[in-house]
Amino acid sequence: MFVLFLAAVIVLVLWNPRPLDEDAERAILRAKNLKELREANEKRLNNYGWVDQAKGIVFIPIARAMELETVSLNDPKWKPHATYPIAPIDLVPKPAGMPVPAPAAAPSASSTSAK
């Protein structure tokens, strides 16, 4: 039984269904594809060019894009500001059957000067 087990282990360890050359070829192909992809990315990130010339869409170097974006973000219109509700509360429609309160009267000039 031990000899049979030892023979099975040796066969499984030494037997390789796929040749190593195929793996090496695939590794070379993957390395070549990765190199081409990196070159294309470098070209796209560091050069000017057209995305769609008919529509006037271009790509620019990433460093220049960051400079332009920094300038535009320093524009005062992009500074943080207070937000307000979309509609004043008294203009929000009330459910049917609910009474609508009358608007509060503003104090007149004569009543404030009498105090």
PDB file of N, CA and C in Angstrom:
ATOM      1  N   MET A   1       0.832  -1.182   0.000  1.00  0.00           N
ATOM      2  CA  MET A   1       0.000   0.000   0.000  1.00  0.00           C
ATOM      3  C   MET A   1       0.884   1.256   0.000  1.00  0.00           C
ATOM      4  N   PHE A   2       1.963   1.205   0.830  1.00  0.00           N
ATOM      5  CA  PHE A   2       2.867   2.346   0.896  1.00  0.00           C
ATOM      6  C   PHE A   2       3.556   2.580  -0.447  1.00  0.00           C
ATOM      7  N   VAL A   3       3.953   1.527  -1.123  1.00  0.00           N
ATOM      8  CA  VAL A   3       4.629   1.636  -2.420  1.00  0.00           C
ATOM      9  C   VAL A   3       3.664   2.227  -3.448  1.00  0.00           C
ATOM     10  N   LEU A   4       2.428   1.828  -3.411  1.00  0.00           N
ATOM     11  CA  LEU A   4       1.427   2.353  -4.335  1.00  0.00           C
ATOM     12  C   LEU A   4       1.199   3.844  -4.071  1.00  0.00           C
ATOM     13  N   PHE A   5       1.131   4.248  -2.799  1.00  0.00           N
ATOM     14  CA  PHE A   5       0.974   5.657  -2.451  1.00  0.00           C
ATOM     15  C   PHE A   5       2.180   6.466  -2.905  1.00  0.00           C
ATOM     16  N   LEU A   6       3.387   5.936  -2.688  1.00  0.00           N
ATOM     17  CA  LEU A   6       4.614   6.607  -3.105  1.00  0.00           C
ATOM     18  C   LEU A   6       4.654   6.757  -4.617  1.00  0.00           C
ATOM     19  N   ALA A   7       4.251   5.768  -5.352  1.00  0.00           N
ATOM     20  CA  ALA A   7       4.218   5.835  -6.816  1.00  0.00           C
ATOM     21  C   ALA A   7       3.228   6.901  -7.275  1.00  0.00           C
ATOM     22  N   ALA A   8       2.078   6.990  -6.633  1.00  0.00           N
ATOM     23  CA  ALA A   8       1.073   8.001  -7.002  1.00  0.00           C
ATOM     24  C   ALA A   8       1.598   9.406  -6.743  1.00  0.00           C
ATOM     25  N   VAL A   9       2.290   9.615  -5.639  1.00  0.00           N
ATOM     26  CA  VAL A   9       2.848  10.924  -5.313  1.00  0.00           C
ATOM     27  C   VAL A   9       3.912  11.307  -6.335  1.00  0.00           C
ATOM     28  N   ILE A  10       4.781  10.382  -6.682  1.00  0.00           N
ATOM     29  CA  ILE A  10       5.835  10.664  -7.657  1.00  0.00           C
ATOM     30  C   ILE A  10       5.233  11.013  -9.012  1.00  0.00           C
ATOM     31  N   VAL A  11       4.225  10.294  -9.443  1.00  0.00           N
ATOM     32  CA  VAL A  11       3.573  10.576 -10.728  1.00  0.00           C
ATOM     33  C   VAL A  11       2.931  11.961 -10.699  1.00  0.00           C
ATOM     34  N   LEU A  12       2.260  12.301  -9.623  1.00  0.00           N
ATOM     35  CA  LEU A  12       1.597  13.606  -9.543  1.00  0.00           C
ATOM     36  C   LEU A  12       2.602  14.756  -9.469  1.00  0.00           C
ATOM     37  N   VAL A  13       3.718  14.546  -8.790  1.00  0.00           N
ATOM     38  CA  VAL A  13       4.720  15.599  -8.655  1.00  0.00           C
ATOM     39  C   VAL A  13       5.467  15.798  -9.973  1.00  0.00           C
ATOM     40  N   LEU A  14       5.831  14.744 -10.635  1.00  0.00           N
ATOM     41  CA  LEU A  14       6.629  14.841 -11.857  1.00  0.00           C
ATOM     42  C   LEU A  14       5.799  15.106 -13.103  1.00  0.00           C
ATOM     43  N   TRP A  15       4.525  14.782 -13.079  1.00  0.00           N
ATOM     44  CA  TRP A  15       3.702  14.943 -14.274  1.00  0.00           C
ATOM     45  C   TRP A  15       3.192  16.385 -14.351  1.00  0.00           C
ATOM     46  N   ASN A  16       3.438  17.065 -15.475  1.00  0.00           N
ATOM     47  CA  ASN A  16       3.007  18.450 -15.674  1.00  0.00           C
ATOM     48  C   ASN A  16       2.187  18.491 -16.950  1.00  0.00           C
ATOM     49  N   PRO A  17       0.878  18.738 -16.876  1.00  0.00           N
ATOM     50  CA  PRO A  17       0.050  18.696 -18.076  1.00  0.00           C
ATOM     51  C   PRO A  17       0.317  19.843 -19.060  1.00  0.00           C
ATOM     52  N   ARG A  18       0.868  20.955 -18.595  1.00  0.00           N
ATOM     53  CA  ARG A  18       1.078  22.100 -19.472  1.00  0.00           C
ATOM     54  C   ARG A  18       2.582  22.399 -19.529  1.00  0.00           C
ATOM     55  N   PRO A  19       3.138  22.551 -20.719  1.00  0.00           N
ATOM     56  CA  PRO A  19       4.567  22.854 -20.790  1.00  0.00           C
ATOM     57  C   PRO A  19       4.865  24.250 -20.264  1.00  0.00           C
ATOM     58  N   LEU A  20       6.037  24.440 -19.706  1.00  0.00           N
ATOM     59  CA  LEU A  20       6.432  25.721 -19.156  1.00  0.00           C
ATOM     60  C   LEU A  20       6.623  26.775 -20.234  1.00  0.00           C
ATOM     61  N   ASP A  21       6.901  26.365 -21.454  1.00  0.00           N
ATOM     62  CA  ASP A  21       7.111  27.314 -22.541  1.00  0.00           C
ATOM     63  C   ASP A  21       5.849  28.139 -22.813  1.00  0.00           C
ATOM     64  N   GLU A  22       4.693  27.510 -22.678  1.00  0.00           N
ATOM     65  CA  GLU A  22       3.439  28.233 -22.907  1.00  0.00           C
ATOM     66  C   GLU A  22       3.261  29.344 -21.875  1.00  0.00           C
ATOM     67  N   ASP A  23       3.583  29.071 -20.637  1.00  0.00           N
ATOM     68  CA  ASP A  23       3.496  30.089 -19.590  1.00  0.00           C
ATOM     69  C   ASP A  23       4.485  31.219 -19.848  1.00  0.00           C
ATOM     70  N   ALA A  24       5.667  30.867 -20.287  1.00  0.00           N
ATOM     71  CA  ALA A  24       6.685  31.885 -20.568  1.00  0.00           C
ATOM     72  C   ALA A  24       6.238  32.779 -21.720  1.00  0.00           C
ATOM     73  N   GLU A  25       5.648  32.183 -22.747  1.00  0.00           N
ATOM     74  CA  GLU A  25       5.155  32.978 -23.887  1.00  0.00           C
ATOM     75  C   GLU A  25       4.044  33.924 -23.449  1.00  0.00           C
ATOM     76  N   ARG A  26       3.149  33.434 -22.617  1.00  0.00           N
ATOM     77  CA  ARG A  26       2.064  34.290 -22.125  1.00  0.00           C
ATOM     78  C   ARG A  26       2.601  35.408 -21.251  1.00  0.00           C
ATOM     79  N   ALA A  27       3.628  35.132 -20.450  1.00  0.00           N
ATOM     80  CA  ALA A  27       4.219  36.158 -19.599  1.00  0.00           C
ATOM     81  C   ALA A  27       4.876  37.236 -20.458  1.00  0.00           C
ATOM     82  N   ILE A  28       5.546  36.843 -21.526  1.00  0.00           N
ATOM     83  CA  ILE A  28       6.170  37.810 -22.431  1.00  0.00           C
ATOM     84  C   ILE A  28       5.105  38.664 -23.101  1.00  0.00           C
ATOM     85  N   LEU A  29       4.010  38.038 -23.530  1.00  0.00           N
ATOM     86  CA  LEU A  29       2.910  38.781 -24.172  1.00  0.00           C
ATOM     87  C   LEU A  29       2.284  39.769 -23.185  1.00  0.00           C
ATOM     88  N   ARG A  30       2.073  39.347 -21.927  1.00  0.00           N
ATOM     89  CA  ARG A  30       1.514  40.257 -20.921  1.00  0.00           C
ATOM     90  C   ARG A  30       2.445  41.427 -20.659  1.00  0.00           C
ATOM     91  N   ALA A  31       3.740  41.173 -20.594  1.00  0.00           N
ATOM     92  CA  ALA A  31       4.709  42.247 -20.370  1.00  0.00           C
ATOM     93  C   ALA A  31       4.701  43.227 -21.537  1.00  0.00           C
ATOM     94  N   LYS A  32       4.603  42.709 -22.758  1.00  0.00           N
ATOM     95  CA  LYS A  32       4.559  43.569 -23.947  1.00  0.00           C
ATOM     96  C   LYS A  32       3.294  44.426 -23.939  1.00  0.00           C
ATOM     97  N   ASN A  33       2.148  43.817 -23.617  1.00  0.00           N
ATOM     98  CA  ASN A  33       0.889  44.567 -23.566  1.00  0.00           C
ATOM     99  C   ASN A  33       0.919  45.638 -22.483  1.00  0.00           C
ATOM    100  N   LEU A  34       1.503  45.319 -21.327  1.00  0.00           N
ATOM    101  CA  LEU A  34       1.613  46.286 -20.242  1.00  0.00           C
ATOM    102  C   LEU A  34       2.501  47.455 -20.652  1.00  0.00           C
ATOM    103  N   LYS A  35       3.603  47.177 -21.334  1.00  0.00           N
ATOM    104  CA  LYS A  35       4.505  48.234 -21.793  1.00  0.00           C
ATOM    105  C   LYS A  35       3.786  49.154 -22.782  1.00  0.00           C
ATOM    106  N   GLU A  36       3.025  48.580 -23.719  1.00  0.00           N
ATOM    107  CA  GLU A  36       2.273  49.388 -24.695  1.00  0.00           C
ATOM    108  C   GLU A  36       1.217  50.245 -23.996  1.00  0.00           C
ATOM    109  N   LEU A  37       0.542  49.681 -23.015  1.00  0.00           N
ATOM    110  CA  LEU A  37      -0.477  50.421 -22.279  1.00  0.00           C
ATOM    111  C   LEU A  37       0.138  51.592 -21.523  1.00  0.00           C
ATOM    112  N   ARG A  38       1.269  51.360 -20.865  1.00  0.00           N
ATOM    113  CA  ARG A  38       1.932  52.440 -20.132  1.00  0.00           C
ATOM    114  C   ARG A  38       2.417  53.536 -21.067  1.00  0.00           C
ATOM    115  N   GLU A  39       2.938  53.166 -22.243  1.00  0.00           N
ATOM    116  CA  GLU A  39       3.377  54.165 -23.214  1.00  0.00           C
ATOM    117  C   GLU A  39       2.198  55.001 -23.705  1.00  0.00           C
ATOM    118  N   ALA A  40       1.060  54.352 -23.971  1.00  0.00           N
ATOM    119  CA  ALA A  40      -0.130  55.076 -24.424  1.00  0.00           C
ATOM    120  C   ALA A  40      -0.625  56.020 -23.325  1.00  0.00           C
ATOM    121  N   ASN A  41      -0.611  55.565 -22.076  1.00  0.00           N
ATOM    122  CA  ASN A  41      -1.032  56.424 -20.968  1.00  0.00           C
ATOM    123  C   ASN A  41      -0.099  57.617 -20.806  1.00  0.00           C
ATOM    124  N   GLU A  42       1.211  57.390 -20.900  1.00  0.00           N
ATOM    125  CA  GLU A  42       2.175  58.490 -20.801  1.00  0.00           C
ATOM    126  C   GLU A  42       1.946  59.506 -21.910  1.00  0.00           C
ATOM    127  N   LYS A  43       1.713  59.015 -23.122  1.00  0.00           N
ATOM    128  CA  LYS A  43       1.473  59.920 -24.253  1.00  0.00           C
ATOM    129  C   LYS A  43       0.214  60.752 -23.995  1.00  0.00           C
ATOM    130  N   ARG A  44      -0.829  60.113 -23.510  1.00  0.00           N
ATOM    131  CA  ARG A  44      -2.095  60.803 -23.283  1.00  0.00           C
ATOM    132  C   ARG A  44      -1.990  61.805 -22.134  1.00  0.00           C
ATOM    133  N   LEU A  45      -1.242  61.469 -21.076  1.00  0.00           N
ATOM    134  CA  LEU A  45      -1.158  62.326 -19.898  1.00  0.00           C
ATOM    135  C   LEU A  45      -0.195  63.490 -20.058  1.00  0.00           C
ATOM    136  N   ASN A  46       0.740  63.409 -20.981  1.00  0.00           N
ATOM    137  CA  ASN A  46       1.785  64.426 -21.068  1.00  0.00           C
ATOM    138  C   ASN A  46       1.829  65.176 -22.393  1.00  0.00           C
ATOM    139  N   ASN A  47       0.813  65.044 -23.245  1.00  0.00           N
ATOM    140  CA  ASN A  47       0.798  65.720 -24.538  1.00  0.00           C
ATOM    141  C   ASN A  47      -0.567  66.339 -24.802  1.00  0.00           C
ATOM    142  N   TYR A  48      -0.596  67.226 -25.793  1.00  0.00           N
ATOM    143  CA  TYR A  48      -1.841  67.806 -26.267  1.00  0.00           C
ATOM    144  C   TYR A  48      -2.343  66.974 -27.437  1.00  0.00           C
ATOM    145  N   GLY A  49      -3.648  66.944 -27.627  1.00  0.00           N
ATOM    146  CA  GLY A  49      -4.196  66.224 -28.773  1.00  0.00           C
ATOM    147  C   GLY A  49      -5.703  66.373 -28.838  1.00  0.00           C
ATOM    148  N   TRP A  50      -6.252  65.890 -29.937  1.00  0.00           N
ATOM    149  CA  TRP A  50      -7.696  65.959 -30.162  1.00  0.00           C
ATOM    150  C   TRP A  50      -8.376  64.697 -29.672  1.00  0.00           C
ATOM    151  N   VAL A  51      -9.484  64.870 -28.960  1.00  0.00           N
ATOM    152  CA  VAL A  51     -10.381  63.766 -28.645  1.00  0.00           C
ATOM    153  C   VAL A  51     -11.402  63.680 -29.767  1.00  0.00           C
ATOM    154  N   ASP A  52     -12.027  64.833 -30.093  1.00  0.00           N
ATOM    155  CA  ASP A  52     -12.981  64.926 -31.206  1.00  0.00           C
ATOM    156  C   ASP A  52     -12.820  66.308 -31.819  1.00  0.00           C
ATOM    157  N   GLN A  53     -12.123  66.371 -32.951  1.00  0.00           N
ATOM    158  CA  GLN A  53     -11.827  67.659 -33.571  1.00  0.00           C
ATOM    159  C   GLN A  53     -13.095  68.338 -34.080  1.00  0.00           C
ATOM    160  N   ALA A  54     -14.066  67.572 -34.554  1.00  0.00           N
ATOM    161  CA  ALA A  54     -15.312  68.154 -35.057  1.00  0.00           C
ATOM    162  C   ALA A  54     -16.069  68.884 -33.942  1.00  0.00           C
ATOM    163  N   LYS A  55     -16.031  68.356 -32.742  1.00  0.00           N
ATOM    164  CA  LYS A  55     -16.725  68.981 -31.611  1.00  0.00           C
ATOM    165  C   LYS A  55     -15.826  69.944 -30.842  1.00  0.00           C
ATOM    166  N   GLY A  56     -14.535  69.979 -31.187  1.00  0.00           N
ATOM    167  CA  GLY A  56     -13.607  70.878 -30.504  1.00  0.00           C
ATOM    168  C   GLY A  56     -13.184  70.392 -29.130  1.00  0.00           C
ATOM    169  N   ILE A  57     -13.158  69.072 -28.916  1.00  0.00           N
ATOM    170  CA  ILE A  57     -12.775  68.504 -27.626  1.00  0.00           C
ATOM    171  C   ILE A  57     -11.314  68.059 -27.707  1.00  0.00           C
ATOM    172  N   VAL A  58     -10.501  68.563 -26.773  1.00  0.00           N
ATOM    173  CA  VAL A  58      -9.073  68.238 -26.767  1.00  0.00           C
ATOM    174  C   VAL A  58      -8.679  67.608 -25.439  1.00  0.00           C
ATOM    175  N   PHE A  59      -7.494  67.002 -25.409  1.00  0.00           N
ATOM    176  CA  PHE A  59      -6.913  66.589 -24.137  1.00  0.00           C
ATOM    177  C   PHE A  59      -5.620  67.363 -23.967  1.00  0.00           C
ATOM    178  N   ILE A  60      -5.318  67.663 -22.691  1.00  0.00           N
ATOM    179  CA  ILE A  60      -4.137  68.459 -22.375  1.00  0.00           C
ATOM    180  C   ILE A  60      -3.316  67.718 -21.334  1.00  0.00           C
ATOM    181  N   PRO A  61      -2.035  68.093 -21.176  1.00  0.00           N
ATOM    182  CA  PRO A  61      -1.214  67.417 -20.160  1.00  0.00           C
ATOM    183  C   PRO A  61      -1.819  67.568 -18.766  1.00  0.00           C
ATOM    184  N   ILE A  62      -1.675  66.549 -17.967  1.00  0.00           N
ATOM    185  CA  ILE A  62      -2.283  66.523 -16.647  1.00  0.00           C
ATOM    186  C   ILE A  62      -1.758  67.651 -15.763  1.00  0.00           C
ATOM    187  N   ALA A  63      -0.483  67.988 -15.880  1.00  0.00           N
ATOM    188  CA  ALA A  63       0.076  69.067 -15.060  1.00  0.00           C
ATOM    189  C   ALA A  63      -0.579  70.406 -15.416  1.00  0.00           C
ATOM    190  N   ARG A  64      -0.787  70.648 -16.696  1.00  0.00           N
ATOM    191  CA  ARG A  64      -1.430  71.892 -17.135  1.00  0.00           C
ATOM    192  C   ARG A  64      -2.896  71.919 -16.690  1.00  0.00           C
ATOM    193  N   ALA A  65      -3.568  70.793 -16.753  1.00  0.00           N
ATOM    194  CA  ALA A  65      -4.965  70.723 -16.321  1.00  0.00           C
ATOM    195  C   ALA A  65      -5.085  71.047 -14.836  1.00  0.00           C
ATOM    196  N   MET A  66      -4.136  70.561 -14.032  1.00  0.00           N
ATOM    197  CA  MET A  66      -4.172  70.861 -12.600  1.00  0.00           C
ATOM    198  C   MET A  66      -3.909  72.341 -12.343  1.00  0.00           C
ATOM    199  N   GLU A  67      -3.010  72.962 -13.124  1.00  0.00           N
ATOM    200  CA  GLU A  67      -2.769  74.405 -12.976  1.00  0.00           C
ATOM    201  C   GLU A  67      -4.038  75.195 -13.278  1.00  0.00           C
ATOM    202  N   LEU A  68      -4.702  74.855 -14.383  1.00  0.00           N
ATOM    203  CA  LEU A  68      -5.926  75.567 -14.763  1.00  0.00           C
ATOM    204  C   LEU A  68      -7.019  75.375 -13.720  1.00  0.00           C
ATOM    205  N   GLU A  69      -7.134  74.173 -13.191  1.00  0.00           N
ATOM    206  CA  GLU A  69      -8.166  73.894 -12.200  1.00  0.00           C
ATOM    207  C   GLU A  69      -7.888  74.644 -10.901  1.00  0.00           C
ATOM    208  N   THR A  70      -6.622  74.755 -10.510  1.00  0.00           N
ATOM    209  CA  THR A  70      -6.265  75.493  -9.301  1.00  0.00           C
ATOM    210  C   THR A  70      -6.638  76.959  -9.445  1.00  0.00           C
ATOM    211  N   VAL A  71      -6.380  77.538 -10.609  1.00  0.00           N
ATOM    212  CA  VAL A  71      -6.737  78.936 -10.850  1.00  0.00           C
ATOM    213  C   VAL A  71      -8.249  79.116 -10.782  1.00  0.00           C
ATOM    214  N   SER A  72      -8.994  78.210 -11.409  1.00  0.00           N
ATOM    215  CA  SER A  72     -10.457  78.358 -11.409  1.00  0.00           C
ATOM    216  C   SER A  72     -11.040  78.142 -10.011  1.00  0.00           C
ATOM    217  N   LEU A  73     -10.452  77.263  -9.208  1.00  0.00           N
ATOM    218  CA  LEU A  73     -10.975  77.037  -7.854  1.00  0.00           C
ATOM    219  C   LEU A  73     -10.663  78.202  -6.922  1.00  0.00           C
ATOM    220  N   ASN A  74      -9.655  79.007  -7.235  1.00  0.00           N
ATOM    221  CA  ASN A  74      -9.349  80.186  -6.429  1.00  0.00           C
ATOM    222  C   ASN A  74     -10.244  81.368  -6.786  1.00  0.00           C
ATOM    223  N   ASP A  75     -11.093  81.229  -7.791  1.00  0.00           N
ATOM    224  CA  ASP A  75     -12.029  82.271  -8.184  1.00  0.00           C
ATOM    225  C   ASP A  75     -13.045  82.465  -7.054  1.00  0.00           C
ATOM    226  N   PRO A  76     -13.351  83.727  -6.674  1.00  0.00           N
ATOM    227  CA  PRO A  76     -14.273  83.961  -5.554  1.00  0.00           C
ATOM    228  C   PRO A  76     -15.653  83.341  -5.735  1.00  0.00           C
ATOM    229  N   LYS A  77     -16.106  83.164  -6.960  1.00  0.00           N
ATOM    230  CA  LYS A  77     -17.449  82.593  -7.133  1.00  0.00           C
ATOM    231  C   LYS A  77     -17.503  81.134  -6.703  1.00  0.00           C
ATOM    232  N   TRP A  78     -16.355  80.468  -6.542  1.00  0.00           N
ATOM    233  CA  TRP A  78     -16.323  79.082  -6.103  1.00  0.00           C
ATOM    234  C   TRP A  78     -16.086  78.944  -4.611  1.00  0.00           C
ATOM    235  N   LYS A  79     -15.967  80.070  -3.904  1.00  0.00           N
ATOM    236  CA  LYS A  79     -15.755  80.007  -2.464  1.00  0.00           C
ATOM    237  C   LYS A  79     -17.010  79.464  -1.786  1.00  0.00           C
ATOM    238  N   PRO A  80     -16.866  78.816  -0.642  1.00  0.00           N
ATOM    239  CA  PRO A  80     -18.043  78.305   0.063  1.00  0.00           C
ATOM    240  C   PRO A  80     -18.982  79.443   0.457  1.00  0.00           C
ATOM    241  N   HIS A  81     -20.263  79.201   0.377  1.00  0.00           N
ATOM    242  CA  HIS A  81     -21.256  80.202   0.747  1.00  0.00           C
ATOM    243  C   HIS A  81     -22.441  79.502   1.399  1.00  0.00           C
ATOM    244  N   ALA A  82     -23.257  80.301   2.050  1.00  0.00           N
ATOM    245  CA  ALA A  82     -24.411  79.750   2.751  1.00  0.00           C
ATOM    246  C   ALA A  82     -25.415  79.190   1.746  1.00  0.00           C
ATOM    247  N   THR A  83     -26.059  78.128   2.127  1.00  0.00           N
ATOM    248  CA  THR A  83     -27.105  77.570   1.288  1.00  0.00           C
ATOM    249  C   THR A  83     -28.455  77.945   1.870  1.00  0.00           C
ATOM    250  N   TYR A  84     -29.430  78.024   1.031  1.00  0.00           N
ATOM    251  CA  TYR A  84     -30.773  78.432   1.422  1.00  0.00           C
ATOM    252  C   TYR A  84     -31.761  77.383   0.950  1.00  0.00           C
ATOM    253  N   PRO A  85     -32.930  77.317   1.562  1.00  0.00           N
ATOM    254  CA  PRO A  85     -33.923  76.348   1.097  1.00  0.00           C
ATOM    255  C   PRO A  85     -34.359  76.668  -0.324  1.00  0.00           C
ATOM    256  N   ILE A  86     -34.803  75.676  -1.009  1.00  0.00           N
ATOM    257  CA  ILE A  86     -35.221  75.848  -2.396  1.00  0.00           C
ATOM    258  C   ILE A  86     -36.416  76.790  -2.481  1.00  0.00           C
ATOM    259  N   ALA A  87     -37.374  76.630  -1.615  1.00  0.00           N
ATOM    260  CA  ALA A  87     -38.551  77.495  -1.615  1.00  0.00           C
ATOM    261  C   ALA A  87     -38.824  77.934  -0.179  1.00  0.00           C
ATOM    262  N   PRO A  88     -39.278  79.183   0.010  1.00  0.00           N
ATOM    263  CA  PRO A  88     -39.634  79.602   1.370  1.00  0.00           C
ATOM    264  C   PRO A  88     -40.733  78.706   1.926  1.00  0.00           C
ATOM    265  N   ILE A  89     -40.759  78.577   3.217  1.00  0.00           N
ATOM    266  CA  ILE A  89     -41.702  77.660   3.854  1.00  0.00           C
ATOM    267  C   ILE A  89     -43.142  78.048   3.557  1.00  0.00           C
ATOM    268  N   ASP A  90     -43.470  79.370   3.492  1.00  0.00           N
ATOM    269  CA  ASP A  90     -44.864  79.768   3.269  1.00  0.00           C
ATOM    270  C   ASP A  90     -45.314  79.496   1.837  1.00  0.00           C
ATOM    271  N   LEU A  91     -44.424  79.183   0.918  1.00  0.00           N
ATOM    272  CA  LEU A  91     -44.825  78.882  -0.451  1.00  0.00           C
ATOM    273  C   LEU A  91     -44.973  77.390  -0.706  1.00  0.00           C
ATOM    274  N   VAL A  92     -44.626  76.577   0.267  1.00  0.00           N
ATOM    275  CA  VAL A  92     -44.773  75.140   0.103  1.00  0.00           C
ATOM    276  C   VAL A  92     -46.256  74.817   0.165  1.00  0.00           C
ATOM    277  N   PRO A  93     -46.790  74.065  -0.794  1.00  0.00           N
ATOM    278  CA  PRO A  93     -48.224  73.757  -0.789  1.00  0.00           C
ATOM    279  C   PRO A  93     -48.618  72.966   0.460  1.00  0.00           C
ATOM    280  N   LYS A  94     -49.754  73.327   1.017  1.00  0.00           N
ATOM    281  CA  LYS A  94     -50.270  72.664   2.216  1.00  0.00           C
ATOM    282  C   LYS A  94     -51.256  71.574   1.786  1.00  0.00           C
ATOM    283  N   PRO A  95     -51.334  70.508   2.573  1.00  0.00           N
ATOM    284  CA  PRO A  95     -52.314  69.474   2.255  1.00  0.00           C
ATOM    285  C   PRO A  95     -53.737  70.033   2.357  1.00  0.00           C
ATOM    286  N   ALA A  96     -54.634  69.460   1.597  1.00  0.00           N
ATOM    287  CA  ALA A  96     -56.024  69.918   1.595  1.00  0.00           C
ATOM    288  C   ALA A  96     -56.625  69.793   2.990  1.00  0.00           C
ATOM    289  N   GLY A  97     -57.399  70.789   3.393  1.00  0.00           N
ATOM    290  CA  GLY A  97     -58.066  70.761   4.674  1.00  0.00           C
ATOM    291  C   GLY A  97     -57.266  71.429   5.788  1.00  0.00           C
ATOM    292  N   MET A  98     -56.015  71.767   5.549  1.00  0.00           N
ATOM    293  CA  MET A  98     -55.219  72.451   6.578  1.00  0.00           C
ATOM    294  C   MET A  98     -55.376  73.950   6.404  1.00  0.00           C
ATOM    295  N   PRO A  99     -55.588  74.676   7.491  1.00  0.00           N
ATOM    296  CA  PRO A  99     -55.705  76.128   7.357  1.00  0.00           C
ATOM    297  C   PRO A  99     -54.340  76.735   7.017  1.00  0.00           C
ATOM    298  N   VAL A 100     -54.362  77.739   6.180  1.00  0.00           N
ATOM    299  CA  VAL A 100     -53.140  78.444   5.802  1.00  0.00           C
ATOM    300  C   VAL A 100     -53.046  79.678   6.679  1.00  0.00           C
ATOM    301  N   PRO A 101     -51.973  79.844   7.477  1.00  0.00           N
ATOM    302  CA  PRO A 101     -51.879  81.013   8.363  1.00  0.00           C
ATOM    303  C   PRO A 101     -51.658  82.279   7.550  1.00  0.00           C
ATOM    304  N   ALA A 102     -52.226  83.369   8.071  1.00  0.00           N
ATOM    305  CA  ALA A 102     -52.056  84.670   7.406  1.00  0.00           C
ATOM    306  C   ALA A 102     -50.633  85.146   7.632  1.00  0.00           C
ATOM    307  N   PRO A 103     -50.061  85.843   6.643  1.00  0.00           N
ATOM    308  CA  PRO A 103     -48.694  86.344   6.832  1.00  0.00           C
ATOM    309  C   PRO A 103     -48.660  87.370   7.962  1.00  0.00           C
ATOM    310  N   ALA A 104     -47.584  87.391   8.706  1.00  0.00           N
ATOM    311  CA  ALA A 104     -47.419  88.322   9.815  1.00  0.00           C
ATOM    312  C   ALA A 104     -47.225  89.723   9.260  1.00  0.00           C
ATOM    313  N   ALA A 105     -47.895  90.689   9.907  1.00  0.00           N
ATOM    314  CA  ALA A 105     -47.781  92.072   9.448  1.00  0.00           C
ATOM    315  C   ALA A 105     -46.446  92.631   9.890  1.00  0.00           C
ATOM    316  N   ALA A 106     -45.788  93.349   8.988  1.00  0.00           N
ATOM    317  CA  ALA A 106     -44.520  93.982   9.318  1.00  0.00           C
ATOM    318  C   ALA A 106     -44.789  95.190  10.185  1.00  0.00           C
ATOM    319  N   PRO A 107     -43.930  95.479  11.164  1.00  0.00           N
ATOM    320  CA  PRO A 107     -44.154  96.636  12.020  1.00  0.00           C
ATOM    321  C   PRO A 107     -44.024  97.911  11.190  1.00  0.00           C
ATOM    322  N   SER A 108     -44.926  98.841  11.450  1.00  0.00           N
ATOM    323  CA  SER A 108     -44.894 100.107  10.696  1.00  0.00           C
ATOM    324  C   SER A 108     -43.867 101.041  11.309  1.00  0.00           C
ATOM    325  N   ALA A 109     -43.518 102.064  10.575  1.00  0.00           N
ATOM    326  CA  ALA A 109     -42.512 103.018  11.041  1.00  0.00           C
ATOM    327  C   ALA A 109     -43.028 103.796  12.240  1.00  0.00           C
ATOM    328  N   SER A 110     -44.329 104.100  12.270  1.00  0.00           N
ATOM    329  CA  SER A 110     -44.872 104.889  13.380  1.00  0.00           C
ATOM    330  C   SER A 110     -44.870 104.098  14.689  1.00  0.00           C
ATOM    331  N   SER A 111     -45.097 102.770  14.611  1.00  0.00           N
ATOM    332  CA  SER A 111     -45.122 102.004  15.842  1.00  0.00           C
ATOM    333  C   SER A 111     -43.723 101.797  16.405  1.00  0.00           C
ATOM    334  N   THR A 112     -42.706 101.754  15.560  1.00  0.00           N
ATOM    335  CA  THR A 112     -41.344 101.600  16.071  1.00  0.00           C
ATOM    336  C   THR A 112     -40.810 102.923  16.615  1.00  0.00           C
ATOM    337  N   SER A 113     -41.261 104.051  16.076  1.00  0.00           N
ATOM    338  CA  SER A 113     -40.747 105.341  16.564  1.00  0.00           C
ATOM    339  C   SER A 113     -41.420 105.738  17.874  1.00  0.00           C
ATOM    340  N   ALA A 114     -42.635 105.186  18.189  1.00  0.00           N
ATOM    341  CA  ALA A 114     -43.333 105.514  19.401  1.00  0.00           C
ATOM    342  C   ALA A 114     -42.687 104.869  20.623  1.00  0.00           C
ATOM    343  N   LYS A 115     -41.931 103.853  20.445  1.00  0.00           N
ATOM    344  CA  LYS A 115     -41.320 103.155  21.582  1.00  0.00           C
ATOM    345  C   LYS A 115     -40.174 103.864  22.121  1.00  0.00           C
TER     346      LYS A 115
END
